[in-house]
Amino acid sequence: MDKKEIRERYKRTPPDMGVYMVKNLVDGKIYIARAMDLQGKLNSEMFQLRNDLHMNKELQQDFNTLGLDRFAFEVLDRLAVKQDPGYDYSADLRTLEALWLEKLQPYAEKGYHRRKP
């Protein structure tokens, strides 16, 4: 296989999609989110936290206080890739995220999320 063929195969390979968690290893609080590209999103989360840019201010504050080694970044669930290359995974990802939010209840002292009214 030549470089061009390898590059084309890579472009056709869909990224891992699913739900991930950022966990505070000191108090167990968790942050859950979905991603169309898990590895890319986890890299983005880490970049944002390291540069004081994360949208979740409580998570950012704990990260600033405790440091990177007190947090774990983990994939909770992955979506299976469909045969249809045009399939829109957005609704599936929202549902999967909702299931994990329901299961783990990352609210109040257990997490960094706020319940929606």
PDB file of N, CA and C in Angstrom:
ATOM      1  N   MET A   1       0.847  -1.172   0.000  1.00  0.00           N
ATOM      2  CA  MET A   1       0.000   0.000   0.000  1.00  0.00           C
ATOM      3  C   MET A   1       0.902   1.249   0.000  1.00  0.00           C
ATOM      4  N   ASP A   2       0.640   2.174  -0.906  1.00  0.00           N
ATOM      5  CA  ASP A   2       1.454   3.399  -0.962  1.00  0.00           C
ATOM      6  C   ASP A   2       0.849   4.486  -0.061  1.00  0.00           C
ATOM      7  N   LYS A   3       1.576   5.575   0.101  1.00  0.00           N
ATOM      8  CA  LYS A   3       1.151   6.651   1.007  1.00  0.00           C
ATOM      9  C   LYS A   3      -0.190   7.250   0.613  1.00  0.00           C
ATOM     10  N   LYS A   4      -0.416   7.404  -0.688  1.00  0.00           N
ATOM     11  CA  LYS A   4      -1.675   7.981  -1.155  1.00  0.00           C
ATOM     12  C   LYS A   4      -2.857   7.090  -0.775  1.00  0.00           C
ATOM     13  N   GLU A   5      -2.700   5.809  -0.942  1.00  0.00           N
ATOM     14  CA  GLU A   5      -3.759   4.861  -0.606  1.00  0.00           C
ATOM     15  C   GLU A   5      -4.020   4.848   0.907  1.00  0.00           C
ATOM     16  N   ILE A   6      -2.964   4.911   1.691  1.00  0.00           N
ATOM     17  CA  ILE A   6      -3.101   4.950   3.145  1.00  0.00           C
ATOM     18  C   ILE A   6      -3.847   6.216   3.563  1.00  0.00           C
ATOM     19  N   ARG A   7      -3.496   7.346   2.954  1.00  0.00           N
ATOM     20  CA  ARG A   7      -4.141   8.622   3.257  1.00  0.00           C
ATOM     21  C   ARG A   7      -5.626   8.577   2.905  1.00  0.00           C
ATOM     22  N   GLU A   8      -5.962   8.021   1.761  1.00  0.00           N
ATOM     23  CA  GLU A   8      -7.363   7.917   1.335  1.00  0.00           C
ATOM     24  C   GLU A   8      -8.162   7.012   2.268  1.00  0.00           C
ATOM     25  N   ARG A   9      -7.567   5.910   2.669  1.00  0.00           N
ATOM     26  CA  ARG A   9      -8.233   4.992   3.589  1.00  0.00           C
ATOM     27  C   ARG A   9      -8.502   5.696   4.919  1.00  0.00           C
ATOM     28  N   TYR A  10      -7.530   6.471   5.388  1.00  0.00           N
ATOM     29  CA  TYR A  10      -7.682   7.209   6.638  1.00  0.00           C
ATOM     30  C   TYR A  10      -8.839   8.202   6.536  1.00  0.00           C
ATOM     31  N   LYS A  11      -8.935   8.914   5.418  1.00  0.00           N
ATOM     32  CA  LYS A  11     -10.011   9.898   5.225  1.00  0.00           C
ATOM     33  C   LYS A  11     -11.390   9.247   5.222  1.00  0.00           C
ATOM     34  N   ARG A  12     -11.471   8.012   4.728  1.00  0.00           N
ATOM     35  CA  ARG A  12     -12.750   7.300   4.660  1.00  0.00           C
ATOM     36  C   ARG A  12     -13.127   6.649   5.990  1.00  0.00           C
ATOM     37  N   THR A  13     -12.190   6.522   6.910  1.00  0.00           N
ATOM     38  CA  THR A  13     -12.452   5.887   8.192  1.00  0.00           C
ATOM     39  C   THR A  13     -13.099   6.895   9.138  1.00  0.00           C
ATOM     40  N   PRO A  14     -14.330   6.625   9.571  1.00  0.00           N
ATOM     41  CA  PRO A  14     -14.986   7.571  10.473  1.00  0.00           C
ATOM     42  C   PRO A  14     -14.300   7.581  11.841  1.00  0.00           C
ATOM     43  N   PRO A  15     -14.268   8.736  12.502  1.00  0.00           N
ATOM     44  CA  PRO A  15     -13.655   8.799  13.828  1.00  0.00           C
ATOM     45  C   PRO A  15     -14.530   8.099  14.865  1.00  0.00           C
ATOM     46  N   ASP A  16     -13.930   7.739  15.999  1.00  0.00           N
ATOM     47  CA  ASP A  16     -14.710   7.197  17.112  1.00  0.00           C
ATOM     48  C   ASP A  16     -15.662   8.273  17.601  1.00  0.00           C
ATOM     49  N   MET A  17     -16.920   7.915  17.754  1.00  0.00           N
ATOM     50  CA  MET A  17     -17.940   8.825  18.256  1.00  0.00           C
ATOM     51  C   MET A  17     -18.508   8.246  19.536  1.00  0.00           C
ATOM     52  N   GLY A  18     -18.890   9.110  20.466  1.00  0.00           N
ATOM     53  CA  GLY A  18     -19.488   8.587  21.684  1.00  0.00           C
ATOM     54  C   GLY A  18     -19.541   9.590  22.809  1.00  0.00           C
ATOM     55  N   VAL A  19     -19.510   9.042  24.027  1.00  0.00           N
ATOM     56  CA  VAL A  19     -19.638   9.835  25.246  1.00  0.00           C
ATOM     57  C   VAL A  19     -18.393   9.623  26.091  1.00  0.00           C
ATOM     58  N   TYR A  20     -17.912  10.726  26.675  1.00  0.00           N
ATOM     59  CA  TYR A  20     -16.713  10.645  27.508  1.00  0.00           C
ATOM     60  C   TYR A  20     -16.957  11.330  28.846  1.00  0.00           C
ATOM     61  N   MET A  21     -15.994  11.133  29.752  1.00  0.00           N
ATOM     62  CA  MET A  21     -16.104  11.686  31.088  1.00  0.00           C
ATOM     63  C   MET A  21     -14.757  12.270  31.505  1.00  0.00           C
ATOM     64  N   VAL A  22     -14.820  13.400  32.198  1.00  0.00           N
ATOM     65  CA  VAL A  22     -13.664  13.965  32.884  1.00  0.00           C
ATOM     66  C   VAL A  22     -13.975  13.789  34.366  1.00  0.00           C
ATOM     67  N   LYS A  23     -13.082  13.088  35.079  1.00  0.00           N
ATOM     68  CA  LYS A  23     -13.351  12.766  36.484  1.00  0.00           C
ATOM     69  C   LYS A  23     -12.296  13.373  37.397  1.00  0.00           C
ATOM     70  N   ASN A  24     -12.781  14.067  38.419  1.00  0.00           N
ATOM     71  CA  ASN A  24     -11.940  14.618  39.468  1.00  0.00           C
ATOM     72  C   ASN A  24     -11.602  13.446  40.405  1.00  0.00           C
ATOM     73  N   LEU A  25     -10.340  13.064  40.460  1.00  0.00           N
ATOM     74  CA  LEU A  25      -9.933  11.911  41.251  1.00  0.00           C
ATOM     75  C   LEU A  25      -9.873  12.195  42.752  1.00  0.00           C
ATOM     76  N   VAL A  26      -9.964  13.454  43.132  1.00  0.00           N
ATOM     77  CA  VAL A  26      -9.931  13.821  44.547  1.00  0.00           C
ATOM     78  C   VAL A  26     -11.297  13.631  45.195  1.00  0.00           C
ATOM     79  N   ASP A  27     -12.341  14.187  44.562  1.00  0.00           N
ATOM     80  CA  ASP A  27     -13.676  14.107  45.173  1.00  0.00           C
ATOM     81  C   ASP A  27     -14.677  13.295  44.358  1.00  0.00           C
ATOM     82  N   GLY A  28     -14.262  12.776  43.203  1.00  0.00           N
ATOM     83  CA  GLY A  28     -15.139  11.919  42.403  1.00  0.00           C
ATOM     84  C   GLY A  28     -16.122  12.643  41.518  1.00  0.00           C
ATOM     85  N   LYS A  29     -16.103  13.976  41.508  1.00  0.00           N
ATOM     86  CA  LYS A  29     -17.038  14.721  40.658  1.00  0.00           C
ATOM     87  C   LYS A  29     -16.728  14.447  39.190  1.00  0.00           C
ATOM     88  N   ILE A  30     -17.781  14.405  38.368  1.00  0.00           N
ATOM     89  CA  ILE A  30     -17.598  14.078  36.956  1.00  0.00           C
ATOM     90  C   ILE A  30     -18.270  15.083  36.031  1.00  0.00           C
ATOM     91  N   TYR A  31     -17.708  15.158  34.841  1.00  0.00           N
ATOM     92  CA  TYR A  31     -18.243  15.974  33.748  1.00  0.00           C
ATOM     93  C   TYR A  31     -18.418  15.024  32.577  1.00  0.00           C
ATOM     94  N   ILE A  32     -19.605  15.007  31.973  1.00  0.00           N
ATOM     95  CA  ILE A  32     -19.929  14.093  30.874  1.00  0.00           C
ATOM     96  C   ILE A  32     -20.306  14.899  29.643  1.00  0.00           C
ATOM     97  N   ALA A  33     -19.833  14.440  28.477  1.00  0.00           N
ATOM     98  CA  ALA A  33     -20.183  15.111  27.222  1.00  0.00           C
ATOM     99  C   ALA A  33     -20.106  14.114  26.070  1.00  0.00           C
ATOM    100  N   ARG A  34     -20.625  14.530  24.922  1.00  0.00           N
ATOM    101  CA  ARG A  34     -20.625  13.701  23.714  1.00  0.00           C
ATOM    102  C   ARG A  34     -19.650  14.284  22.711  1.00  0.00           C
ATOM    103  N   ALA A  35     -19.249  13.444  21.740  1.00  0.00           N
ATOM    104  CA  ALA A  35     -18.312  13.926  20.729  1.00  0.00           C
ATOM    105  C   ALA A  35     -18.437  13.126  19.439  1.00  0.00           C
ATOM    106  N   MET A  36     -18.363  13.851  18.322  1.00  0.00           N
ATOM    107  CA  MET A  36     -18.318  13.205  17.014  1.00  0.00           C
ATOM    108  C   MET A  36     -16.930  12.608  16.759  1.00  0.00           C
ATOM    109  N   ASP A  37     -15.919  13.137  17.430  1.00  0.00           N
ATOM    110  CA  ASP A  37     -14.543  12.654  17.331  1.00  0.00           C
ATOM    111  C   ASP A  37     -13.983  12.611  18.747  1.00  0.00           C
ATOM    112  N   LEU A  38     -14.059  11.438  19.377  1.00  0.00           N
ATOM    113  CA  LEU A  38     -13.689  11.329  20.786  1.00  0.00           C
ATOM    114  C   LEU A  38     -12.255  11.773  21.059  1.00  0.00           C
ATOM    115  N   GLN A  39     -11.302  11.278  20.286  1.00  0.00           N
ATOM    116  CA  GLN A  39      -9.912  11.632  20.545  1.00  0.00           C
ATOM    117  C   GLN A  39      -9.682  13.131  20.369  1.00  0.00           C
ATOM    118  N   GLY A  40     -10.248  13.698  19.320  1.00  0.00           N
ATOM    119  CA  GLY A  40     -10.118  15.126  19.090  1.00  0.00           C
ATOM    120  C   GLY A  40     -10.749  15.943  20.211  1.00  0.00           C
ATOM    121  N   LYS A  41     -11.917  15.517  20.673  1.00  0.00           N
ATOM    122  CA  LYS A  41     -12.609  16.248  21.739  1.00  0.00           C
ATOM    123  C   LYS A  41     -11.881  16.130  23.067  1.00  0.00           C
ATOM    124  N   LEU A  42     -11.351  14.949  23.373  1.00  0.00           N
ATOM    125  CA  LEU A  42     -10.591  14.794  24.606  1.00  0.00           C
ATOM    126  C   LEU A  42      -9.340  15.666  24.582  1.00  0.00           C
ATOM    127  N   ASN A  43      -8.685  15.734  23.439  1.00  0.00           N
ATOM    128  CA  ASN A  43      -7.528  16.630  23.288  1.00  0.00           C
ATOM    129  C   ASN A  43      -7.954  18.076  23.492  1.00  0.00           C
ATOM    130  N   SER A  44      -9.106  18.446  22.944  1.00  0.00           N
ATOM    131  CA  SER A  44      -9.628  19.802  23.082  1.00  0.00           C
ATOM    132  C   SER A  44      -9.956  20.120  24.545  1.00  0.00           C
ATOM    133  N   GLU A  45     -10.589  19.178  25.250  1.00  0.00           N
ATOM    134  CA  GLU A  45     -10.907  19.376  26.676  1.00  0.00           C
ATOM    135  C   GLU A  45      -9.625  19.652  27.461  1.00  0.00           C
ATOM    136  N   MET A  46      -8.610  18.838  27.222  1.00  0.00           N
ATOM    137  CA  MET A  46      -7.358  19.004  27.947  1.00  0.00           C
ATOM    138  C   MET A  46      -6.705  20.349  27.614  1.00  0.00           C
ATOM    139  N   PHE A  47      -6.725  20.723  26.343  1.00  0.00           N
ATOM    140  CA  PHE A  47      -6.164  22.014  25.931  1.00  0.00           C
ATOM    141  C   PHE A  47      -6.894  23.158  26.632  1.00  0.00           C
ATOM    142  N   GLN A  48      -8.222  23.111  26.611  1.00  0.00           N
ATOM    143  CA  GLN A  48      -9.015  24.168  27.237  1.00  0.00           C
ATOM    144  C   GLN A  48      -8.728  24.270  28.732  1.00  0.00           C
ATOM    145  N   LEU A  49      -8.670  23.121  29.401  1.00  0.00           N
ATOM    146  CA  LEU A  49      -8.410  23.133  30.839  1.00  0.00           C
ATOM    147  C   LEU A  49      -7.012  23.663  31.146  1.00  0.00           C
ATOM    148  N   ARG A  50      -6.035  23.239  30.394  1.00  0.00           N
ATOM    149  CA  ARG A  50      -4.651  23.693  30.625  1.00  0.00           C
ATOM    150  C   ARG A  50      -4.479  25.185  30.372  1.00  0.00           C
ATOM    151  N   ASN A  51      -5.324  25.746  29.507  1.00  0.00           N
ATOM    152  CA  ASN A  51      -5.198  27.156  29.140  1.00  0.00           C
ATOM    153  C   ASN A  51      -6.287  28.044  29.740  1.00  0.00           C
ATOM    154  N   ASP A  52      -6.981  27.525  30.750  1.00  0.00           N
ATOM    155  CA  ASP A  52      -8.002  28.284  31.478  1.00  0.00           C
ATOM    156  C   ASP A  52      -9.106  28.795  30.548  1.00  0.00           C
ATOM    157  N   LEU A  53      -9.540  27.931  29.629  1.00  0.00           N
ATOM    158  CA  LEU A  53     -10.545  28.319  28.634  1.00  0.00           C
ATOM    159  C   LEU A  53     -11.827  27.483  28.684  1.00  0.00           C
ATOM    160  N   HIS A  54     -11.940  26.567  29.639  1.00  0.00           N
ATOM    161  CA  HIS A  54     -13.079  25.644  29.638  1.00  0.00           C
ATOM    162  C   HIS A  54     -14.371  26.373  29.964  1.00  0.00           C
ATOM    163  N   MET A  55     -15.453  26.006  29.288  1.00  0.00           N
ATOM    164  CA  MET A  55     -16.747  26.665  29.476  1.00  0.00           C
ATOM    165  C   MET A  55     -17.364  26.343  30.838  1.00  0.00           C
ATOM    166  N   ASN A  56     -17.018  25.202  31.427  1.00  0.00           N
ATOM    167  CA  ASN A  56     -17.557  24.852  32.734  1.00  0.00           C
ATOM    168  C   ASN A  56     -16.616  25.429  33.797  1.00  0.00           C
ATOM    169  N   LYS A  57     -17.027  26.532  34.382  1.00  0.00           N
ATOM    170  CA  LYS A  57     -16.163  27.287  35.296  1.00  0.00           C
ATOM    171  C   LYS A  57     -15.825  26.519  36.569  1.00  0.00           C
ATOM    172  N   GLU A  58     -16.755  25.726  37.073  1.00  0.00           N
ATOM    173  CA  GLU A  58     -16.479  24.942  38.282  1.00  0.00           C
ATOM    174  C   GLU A  58     -15.413  23.877  38.006  1.00  0.00           C
ATOM    175  N   LEU A  59     -15.545  23.193  36.889  1.00  0.00           N
ATOM    176  CA  LEU A  59     -14.527  22.219  36.493  1.00  0.00           C
ATOM    177  C   LEU A  59     -13.186  22.916  36.292  1.00  0.00           C
ATOM    178  N   GLN A  60     -13.207  24.051  35.635  1.00  0.00           N
ATOM    179  CA  GLN A  60     -11.970  24.796  35.379  1.00  0.00           C
ATOM    180  C   GLN A  60     -11.306  25.203  36.693  1.00  0.00           C
ATOM    181  N   GLN A  61     -12.100  25.670  37.642  1.00  0.00           N
ATOM    182  CA  GLN A  61     -11.551  26.097  38.933  1.00  0.00           C
ATOM    183  C   GLN A  61     -10.899  24.919  39.666  1.00  0.00           C
ATOM    184  N   ASP A  62     -11.570  23.765  39.684  1.00  0.00           N
ATOM    185  CA  ASP A  62     -10.996  22.585  40.335  1.00  0.00           C
ATOM    186  C   ASP A  62      -9.718  22.142  39.624  1.00  0.00           C
ATOM    187  N   PHE A  63      -9.730  22.191  38.300  1.00  0.00           N
ATOM    188  CA  PHE A  63      -8.541  21.819  37.533  1.00  0.00           C
ATOM    189  C   PHE A  63      -7.382  22.760  37.855  1.00  0.00           C
ATOM    190  N   ASN A  64      -7.662  24.045  37.923  1.00  0.00           N
ATOM    191  CA  ASN A  64      -6.618  25.022  38.235  1.00  0.00           C
ATOM    192  C   ASN A  64      -6.035  24.781  39.626  1.00  0.00           C
ATOM    193  N   THR A  65      -6.888  24.407  40.557  1.00  0.00           N
ATOM    194  CA  THR A  65      -6.453  24.172  41.933  1.00  0.00           C
ATOM    195  C   THR A  65      -5.700  22.847  42.082  1.00  0.00           C
ATOM    196  N   LEU A  66      -6.217  21.785  41.466  1.00  0.00           N
ATOM    197  CA  LEU A  66      -5.687  20.439  41.692  1.00  0.00           C
ATOM    198  C   LEU A  66      -4.619  20.003  40.689  1.00  0.00           C
ATOM    199  N   GLY A  67      -4.735  20.452  39.454  1.00  0.00           N
ATOM    200  CA  GLY A  67      -3.768  20.058  38.429  1.00  0.00           C
ATOM    201  C   GLY A  67      -4.185  18.838  37.634  1.00  0.00           C
ATOM    202  N   LEU A  68      -3.535  18.649  36.498  1.00  0.00           N
ATOM    203  CA  LEU A  68      -3.860  17.595  35.536  1.00  0.00           C
ATOM    204  C   LEU A  68      -3.812  16.192  36.134  1.00  0.00           C
ATOM    205  N   ASP A  69      -2.842  15.926  36.987  1.00  0.00           N
ATOM    206  CA  ASP A  69      -2.684  14.566  37.514  1.00  0.00           C
ATOM    207  C   ASP A  69      -3.800  14.153  38.469  1.00  0.00           C
ATOM    208  N   ARG A  70      -4.688  15.066  38.807  1.00  0.00           N
ATOM    209  CA  ARG A  70      -5.822  14.743  39.675  1.00  0.00           C
ATOM    210  C   ARG A  70      -7.121  14.550  38.886  1.00  0.00           C
ATOM    211  N   PHE A  71      -6.995  14.443  37.549  1.00  0.00           N
ATOM    212  CA  PHE A  71      -8.155  14.234  36.689  1.00  0.00           C
ATOM    213  C   PHE A  71      -7.911  13.072  35.740  1.00  0.00           C
ATOM    214  N   ALA A  72      -8.991  12.327  35.466  1.00  0.00           N
ATOM    215  CA  ALA A  72      -8.941  11.231  34.498  1.00  0.00           C
ATOM    216  C   ALA A  72      -9.867  11.568  33.344  1.00  0.00           C
ATOM    217  N   PHE A  73      -9.437  11.251  32.141  1.00  0.00           N
ATOM    218  CA  PHE A  73     -10.214  11.465  30.921  1.00  0.00           C
ATOM    219  C   PHE A  73     -10.518  10.082  30.370  1.00  0.00           C
ATOM    220  N   GLU A  74     -11.826   9.769  30.245  1.00  0.00           N
ATOM    221  CA  GLU A  74     -12.197   8.388  29.931  1.00  0.00           C
ATOM    222  C   GLU A  74     -13.389   8.327  28.969  1.00  0.00           C
ATOM    223  N   VAL A  75     -13.320   7.405  28.020  1.00  0.00           N
ATOM    224  CA  VAL A  75     -14.435   7.154  27.110  1.00  0.00           C
ATOM    225  C   VAL A  75     -15.410   6.216  27.816  1.00  0.00           C
ATOM    226  N   LEU A  76     -16.672   6.620  27.883  1.00  0.00           N
ATOM    227  CA  LEU A  76     -17.700   5.807  28.528  1.00  0.00           C
ATOM    228  C   LEU A  76     -18.393   4.865  27.544  1.00  0.00           C
ATOM    229  N   ASP A  77     -18.609   5.342  26.318  1.00  0.00           N
ATOM    230  CA  ASP A  77     -19.391   4.566  25.352  1.00  0.00           C
ATOM    231  C   ASP A  77     -19.084   5.053  23.950  1.00  0.00           C
ATOM    232  N   ARG A  78     -19.119   4.139  22.995  1.00  0.00           N
ATOM    233  CA  ARG A  78     -18.885   4.482  21.592  1.00  0.00           C
ATOM    234  C   ARG A  78     -20.110   4.104  20.762  1.00  0.00           C
ATOM    235  N   LEU A  79     -20.365   4.902  19.721  1.00  0.00           N
ATOM    236  CA  LEU A  79     -21.437   4.579  18.777  1.00  0.00           C
ATOM    237  C   LEU A  79     -20.878   3.671  17.693  1.00  0.00           C
ATOM    238  N   ALA A  80     -21.688   2.726  17.284  1.00  0.00           N
ATOM    239  CA  ALA A  80     -21.313   1.866  16.162  1.00  0.00           C
ATOM    240  C   ALA A  80     -21.500   2.643  14.863  1.00  0.00           C
ATOM    241  N   VAL A  81     -20.607   2.441  13.926  1.00  0.00           N
ATOM    242  CA  VAL A  81     -20.679   3.124  12.639  1.00  0.00           C
ATOM    243  C   VAL A  81     -21.712   2.421  11.765  1.00  0.00           C
ATOM    244  N   LYS A  82     -22.571   3.216  11.135  1.00  0.00           N
ATOM    245  CA  LYS A  82     -23.615   2.688  10.243  1.00  0.00           C
ATOM    246  C   LYS A  82     -23.043   2.457   8.840  1.00  0.00           C
ATOM    247  N   GLN A  83     -23.714   1.643   8.073  1.00  0.00           N
ATOM    248  CA  GLN A  83     -23.303   1.374   6.692  1.00  0.00           C
ATOM    249  C   GLN A  83     -23.509   2.593   5.790  1.00  0.00           C
ATOM    250  N   ASP A  84     -24.492   3.413   6.121  1.00  0.00           N
ATOM    251  CA  ASP A  84     -24.828   4.598   5.332  1.00  0.00           C
ATOM    252  C   ASP A  84     -23.807   5.708   5.606  1.00  0.00           C
ATOM    253  N   PRO A  85     -22.957   6.059   4.640  1.00  0.00           N
ATOM    254  CA  PRO A  85     -21.935   7.082   4.876  1.00  0.00           C
ATOM    255  C   PRO A  85     -22.516   8.474   5.128  1.00  0.00           C
ATOM    256  N   GLY A  86     -23.776   8.715   4.770  1.00  0.00           N
ATOM    257  CA  GLY A  86     -24.398  10.013   4.987  1.00  0.00           C
ATOM    258  C   GLY A  86     -25.210  10.096   6.270  1.00  0.00           C
ATOM    259  N   TYR A  87     -25.174   9.041   7.084  1.00  0.00           N
ATOM    260  CA  TYR A  87     -25.982   8.989   8.304  1.00  0.00           C
ATOM    261  C   TYR A  87     -25.591  10.116   9.264  1.00  0.00           C
ATOM    262  N   ASP A  88     -26.602  10.762   9.860  1.00  0.00           N
ATOM    263  CA  ASP A  88     -26.375  11.837  10.823  1.00  0.00           C
ATOM    264  C   ASP A  88     -26.447  11.244  12.239  1.00  0.00           C
ATOM    265  N   TYR A  89     -25.336  11.259  12.926  1.00  0.00           N
ATOM    266  CA  TYR A  89     -25.221  10.652  14.258  1.00  0.00           C
ATOM    267  C   TYR A  89     -25.630  11.591  15.390  1.00  0.00           C
ATOM    268  N   SER A  90     -25.993  12.817  15.087  1.00  0.00           N
ATOM    269  CA  SER A  90     -26.270  13.822  16.123  1.00  0.00           C
ATOM    270  C   SER A  90     -27.309  13.371  17.135  1.00  0.00           C
ATOM    271  N   ALA A  91     -28.443  12.884  16.676  1.00  0.00           N
ATOM    272  CA  ALA A  91     -29.512  12.465  17.589  1.00  0.00           C
ATOM    273  C   ALA A  91     -29.077  11.260  18.414  1.00  0.00           C
ATOM    274  N   ASP A  92     -28.373  10.330  17.792  1.00  0.00           N
ATOM    275  CA  ASP A  92     -27.886   9.152  18.515  1.00  0.00           C
ATOM    276  C   ASP A  92     -26.929   9.563  19.631  1.00  0.00           C
ATOM    277  N   LEU A  93     -26.059  10.529  19.341  1.00  0.00           N
ATOM    278  CA  LEU A  93     -25.113  11.002  20.352  1.00  0.00           C
ATOM    279  C   LEU A  93     -25.824  11.709  21.502  1.00  0.00           C
ATOM    280  N   ARG A  94     -26.825  12.528  21.181  1.00  0.00           N
ATOM    281  CA  ARG A  94     -27.590  13.207  22.234  1.00  0.00           C
ATOM    282  C   ARG A  94     -28.290  12.182  23.136  1.00  0.00           C
ATOM    283  N   THR A  95     -28.860  11.152  22.538  1.00  0.00           N
ATOM    284  CA  THR A  95     -29.543  10.110  23.304  1.00  0.00           C
ATOM    285  C   THR A  95     -28.566   9.354  24.185  1.00  0.00           C
ATOM    286  N   LEU A  96     -27.417   8.995  23.634  1.00  0.00           N
ATOM    287  CA  LEU A  96     -26.403   8.273  24.396  1.00  0.00           C
ATOM    288  C   LEU A  96     -25.906   9.119  25.572  1.00  0.00           C
ATOM    289  N   GLU A  97     -25.694  10.399  25.324  1.00  0.00           N
ATOM    290  CA  GLU A  97     -25.267  11.297  26.394  1.00  0.00           C
ATOM    291  C   GLU A  97     -26.345  11.384  27.478  1.00  0.00           C
ATOM    292  N   ALA A  98     -27.601  11.507  27.084  1.00  0.00           N
ATOM    293  CA  ALA A  98     -28.709  11.583  28.047  1.00  0.00           C
ATOM    294  C   ALA A  98     -28.782  10.314  28.904  1.00  0.00           C
ATOM    295  N   LEU A  99     -28.532   9.172  28.288  1.00  0.00           N
ATOM    296  CA  LEU A  99     -28.544   7.912  29.037  1.00  0.00           C
ATOM    297  C   LEU A  99     -27.453   7.898  30.105  1.00  0.00           C
ATOM    298  N   TRP A 100     -26.265   8.365  29.757  1.00  0.00           N
ATOM    299  CA  TRP A 100     -25.165   8.400  30.724  1.00  0.00           C
ATOM    300  C   TRP A 100     -25.408   9.456  31.807  1.00  0.00           C
ATOM    301  N   LEU A 101     -25.994  10.581  31.448  1.00  0.00           N
ATOM    302  CA  LEU A 101     -26.335  11.591  32.453  1.00  0.00           C
ATOM    303  C   LEU A 101     -27.358  11.021  33.440  1.00  0.00           C
ATOM    304  N   GLU A 102     -28.329  10.292  32.924  1.00  0.00           N
ATOM    305  CA  GLU A 102     -29.341   9.670  33.775  1.00  0.00           C
ATOM    306  C   GLU A 102     -28.711   8.603  34.673  1.00  0.00           C
ATOM    307  N   LYS A 103     -27.833   7.818  34.116  1.00  0.00           N
ATOM    308  CA  LYS A 103     -27.205   6.718  34.867  1.00  0.00           C
ATOM    309  C   LYS A 103     -26.270   7.229  35.968  1.00  0.00           C
ATOM    310  N   LEU A 104     -25.425   8.205  35.651  1.00  0.00           N
ATOM    311  CA  LEU A 104     -24.396   8.649  36.597  1.00  0.00           C
ATOM    312  C   LEU A 104     -24.792   9.861  37.442  1.00  0.00           C
ATOM    313  N   GLN A 105     -25.840  10.578  37.031  1.00  0.00           N
ATOM    314  CA  GLN A 105     -26.364  11.711  37.805  1.00  0.00           C
ATOM    315  C   GLN A 105     -25.247  12.669  38.264  1.00  0.00           C
ATOM    316  N   PRO A 106     -24.527  13.295  37.320  1.00  0.00           N
ATOM    317  CA  PRO A 106     -23.402  14.157  37.681  1.00  0.00           C
ATOM    318  C   PRO A 106     -23.827  15.570  38.095  1.00  0.00           C
ATOM    319  N   TYR A 107     -24.677  15.648  39.112  1.00  0.00           N
ATOM    320  CA  TYR A 107     -25.228  16.913  39.571  1.00  0.00           C
ATOM    321  C   TYR A 107     -24.827  17.163  41.022  1.00  0.00           C
ATOM    322  N   ALA A 108     -24.869  18.426  41.420  1.00  0.00           N
ATOM    323  CA  ALA A 108     -24.551  18.854  42.790  1.00  0.00           C
ATOM    324  C   ALA A 108     -23.186  18.317  43.201  1.00  0.00           C
ATOM    325  N   GLU A 109     -23.108  17.597  44.321  1.00  0.00           N
ATOM    326  CA  GLU A 109     -21.811  17.137  44.811  1.00  0.00           C
ATOM    327  C   GLU A 109     -21.222  15.995  43.986  1.00  0.00           C
ATOM    328  N   LYS A 110     -22.006  15.407  43.096  1.00  0.00           N
ATOM    329  CA  LYS A 110     -21.523  14.294  42.280  1.00  0.00           C
ATOM    330  C   LYS A 110     -20.925  14.733  40.942  1.00  0.00           C
ATOM    331  N   GLY A 111     -21.127  15.985  40.562  1.00  0.00           N
ATOM    332  CA  GLY A 111     -20.626  16.358  39.257  1.00  0.00           C
ATOM    333  C   GLY A 111     -20.633  17.842  38.971  1.00  0.00           C
ATOM    334  N   TYR A 112     -20.292  18.131  37.731  1.00  0.00           N
ATOM    335  CA  TYR A 112     -20.135  19.514  37.274  1.00  0.00           C
ATOM    336  C   TYR A 112     -21.311  19.995  36.424  1.00  0.00           C
ATOM    337  N   HIS A 113     -22.392  19.239  36.398  1.00  0.00           N
ATOM    338  CA  HIS A 113     -23.555  19.609  35.602  1.00  0.00           C
ATOM    339  C   HIS A 113     -24.636  20.237  36.466  1.00  0.00           C
ATOM    340  N   ARG A 114     -25.476  21.021  35.837  1.00  0.00           N
ATOM    341  CA  ARG A 114     -26.640  21.603  36.488  1.00  0.00           C
ATOM    342  C   ARG A 114     -27.873  20.965  35.838  1.00  0.00           C
ATOM    343  N   ARG A 115     -28.849  20.661  36.660  1.00  0.00           N
ATOM    344  CA  ARG A 115     -30.090  20.099  36.122  1.00  0.00           C
ATOM    345  C   ARG A 115     -30.817  21.159  35.299  1.00  0.00           C
ATOM    346  N   LYS A 116     -31.355  20.723  34.178  1.00  0.00           N
ATOM    347  CA  LYS A 116     -32.120  21.645  33.346  1.00  0.00           C
ATOM    348  C   LYS A 116     -33.537  21.721  33.887  1.00  0.00           C
ATOM    349  N   PRO A 117     -34.110  22.936  33.951  1.00  0.00           N
ATOM    350  CA  PRO A 117     -35.478  23.091  34.503  1.00  0.00           C
ATOM    351  C   PRO A 117     -36.522  22.457  33.623  1.00  0.00           C
TER     352      PRO A 117
END
